[in-house]
Amino acid sequence: MKKGYKCVFAIVNNGFSEVAMDAAKACGAKGGTILHGRGTISKDAEKFFKISIQPEKEIVLILAKSELVDDILKGLYSAIGSSTEAQGIAFSLPVDEVVGIGEQKPVKEIKD
């Protein structure tokens, strides 16, 4: 099992996941997974507007080598940060172990 990876999360307004992915790829990411979700709003904002707002969001998950993560986060900030239409946030979390990336040795069968 491989170590030395982190998972980068980028949460952006609907329609901006490709912008995030393009920025990450330009910084060394190989690919990612896009999930659809919806945001929430505070109760105070709901009372002020007298409506319930649940904006559509896209979550981009990128598994990357640890040494690439700083560059990927900087690239994401430029492309999808809070000063852009994407209104995105990005962060990373450590990953303990990874399988399924690159060449894998066959798993030895356990025999009784």
Protein backbone atom coordinates (compact mmCIF):
# COMPACT_ATOMS: atom_id res chain seq x y z
CA MET A 1 0.00 0.00 0.00
CA LYS A 2 1.29 3.42 -0.91
CA LYS A 3 1.70 6.34 1.45
CA GLY A 4 2.53 9.97 0.87
CA TYR A 5 -0.81 11.13 -0.54
CA LYS A 6 -3.37 13.75 0.47
CA CYS A 7 -6.95 14.31 -0.61
CA VAL A 8 -7.72 17.81 -1.84
CA PHE A 9 -11.33 18.93 -1.56
CA ALA A 10 -12.64 21.89 -3.57
CA ILE A 11 -16.24 22.99 -3.01
CA VAL A 12 -17.51 25.34 -5.71
CA ASN A 13 -20.74 26.81 -7.03
CA ASN A 14 -22.57 24.63 -9.53
CA GLY A 15 -20.92 24.65 -12.95
CA PHE A 16 -17.37 25.42 -11.80
CA SER A 17 -15.98 21.95 -11.18
CA GLU A 18 -14.24 21.85 -14.56
CA VAL A 19 -12.54 25.18 -13.79
CA ALA A 20 -11.29 23.68 -10.52
CA MET A 21 -10.15 20.48 -12.21
CA ASP A 22 -8.33 22.36 -14.98
CA ALA A 23 -6.50 24.48 -12.39
CA ALA A 24 -5.52 21.39 -10.39
CA LYS A 25 -4.29 19.55 -13.48
CA ALA A 26 -2.15 22.56 -14.43
CA CYS A 27 -0.45 22.12 -11.02
CA GLY A 28 0.24 18.40 -11.36
CA ALA A 29 -3.00 16.63 -10.45
CA LYS A 30 -3.78 13.64 -12.67
CA GLY A 31 -7.56 13.65 -12.27
CA GLY A 32 -10.38 13.85 -9.78
CA THR A 33 -13.92 12.92 -8.87
CA ILE A 34 -16.84 15.34 -8.97
CA LEU A 35 -19.75 14.99 -6.56
CA HIS A 36 -22.93 17.04 -6.54
CA GLY A 37 -24.31 18.56 -3.35
CA ARG A 38 -26.08 21.55 -1.95
CA GLY A 39 -25.05 24.19 0.53
CA THR A 40 -26.94 25.48 3.50
CA ILE A 41 -27.55 28.94 4.79
CA SER A 42 -27.69 30.24 8.34
CA LYS A 43 -31.06 30.64 10.08
CA ASP A 44 -30.45 34.40 10.40
CA ALA A 45 -30.05 34.77 6.64
CA GLU A 46 -33.21 32.69 6.08
CA LYS A 47 -35.20 35.00 8.37
CA PHE A 48 -33.81 38.11 6.67
CA PHE A 49 -34.72 36.94 3.17
CA LYS A 50 -37.84 35.02 4.29
CA ILE A 51 -36.88 32.22 1.93
CA SER A 52 -34.97 28.99 2.22
CA ILE A 53 -31.87 28.98 0.00
CA GLN A 54 -29.99 25.80 -0.76
CA PRO A 55 -27.53 26.60 -3.54
CA GLU A 56 -26.27 23.74 -5.67
CA LYS A 57 -22.60 22.93 -5.14
CA GLU A 58 -20.00 20.68 -6.72
CA ILE A 59 -17.33 18.95 -4.69
CA VAL A 60 -14.10 18.03 -6.46
CA LEU A 61 -12.01 15.31 -4.80
CA ILE A 62 -8.40 14.99 -5.90
CA LEU A 63 -6.01 12.35 -4.60
CA ALA A 64 -2.51 13.74 -5.08
CA LYS A 65 1.05 13.13 -3.95
CA SER A 66 1.78 15.17 -0.84
CA GLU A 67 4.52 17.21 -2.51
CA LEU A 68 2.03 18.54 -5.12
CA VAL A 69 -0.69 19.63 -2.71
CA ASP A 70 0.60 23.14 -1.90
CA ASP A 71 0.82 24.02 -5.60
CA ILE A 72 -2.62 22.52 -6.27
CA LEU A 73 -4.19 24.54 -3.43
CA LYS A 74 -2.54 27.75 -4.67
CA GLY A 75 -3.78 27.06 -8.21
CA LEU A 76 -7.29 26.37 -6.93
CA TYR A 77 -7.30 29.58 -4.89
CA SER A 78 -6.45 31.60 -7.98
CA ALA A 79 -9.03 29.88 -10.17
CA ILE A 80 -11.98 29.26 -7.85
CA GLY A 81 -11.33 31.28 -4.68
CA SER A 82 -13.84 33.46 -2.85
CA SER A 83 -13.12 36.45 -5.12
CA THR A 84 -14.29 34.51 -8.20
CA GLU A 85 -17.76 33.53 -9.44
CA ALA A 86 -17.05 29.97 -8.29
CA GLN A 87 -17.00 31.19 -4.67
CA GLY A 88 -14.94 28.11 -3.84
CA ILE A 89 -13.05 26.85 -0.88
CA ALA A 90 -10.30 24.25 -0.98
CA PHE A 91 -8.55 22.22 1.68
CA SER A 92 -6.62 18.99 2.04
CA LEU A 93 -6.73 16.06 4.42
CA PRO A 94 -4.06 13.42 5.01
CA VAL A 95 -4.52 9.96 3.54
CA ASP A 96 -3.07 7.04 5.47
CA GLU A 97 -2.88 4.45 2.70
CA VAL A 98 -3.81 4.17 -0.97
CA VAL A 99 -4.44 1.21 -3.26
CA GLY A 100 -5.37 1.23 -6.92
CA ILE A 101 -2.90 3.90 -8.06
CA GLY A 102 -0.14 2.90 -10.44
CA GLU A 103 1.20 -0.60 -10.65
CA GLN A 104 -0.01 -2.93 -7.97
CA LYS A 105 1.52 -6.24 -7.01
CA PRO A 106 -0.95 -9.12 -7.01
CA VAL A 107 -2.44 -9.83 -3.63
CA LYS A 108 -1.39 -13.20 -2.32
CA GLU A 109 -4.32 -15.54 -1.83
CA ILE A 110 -4.89 -16.90 1.64
CA LYS A 111 -5.29 -20.63 1.63
CA ASP A 112 -6.77 -22.68 4.45
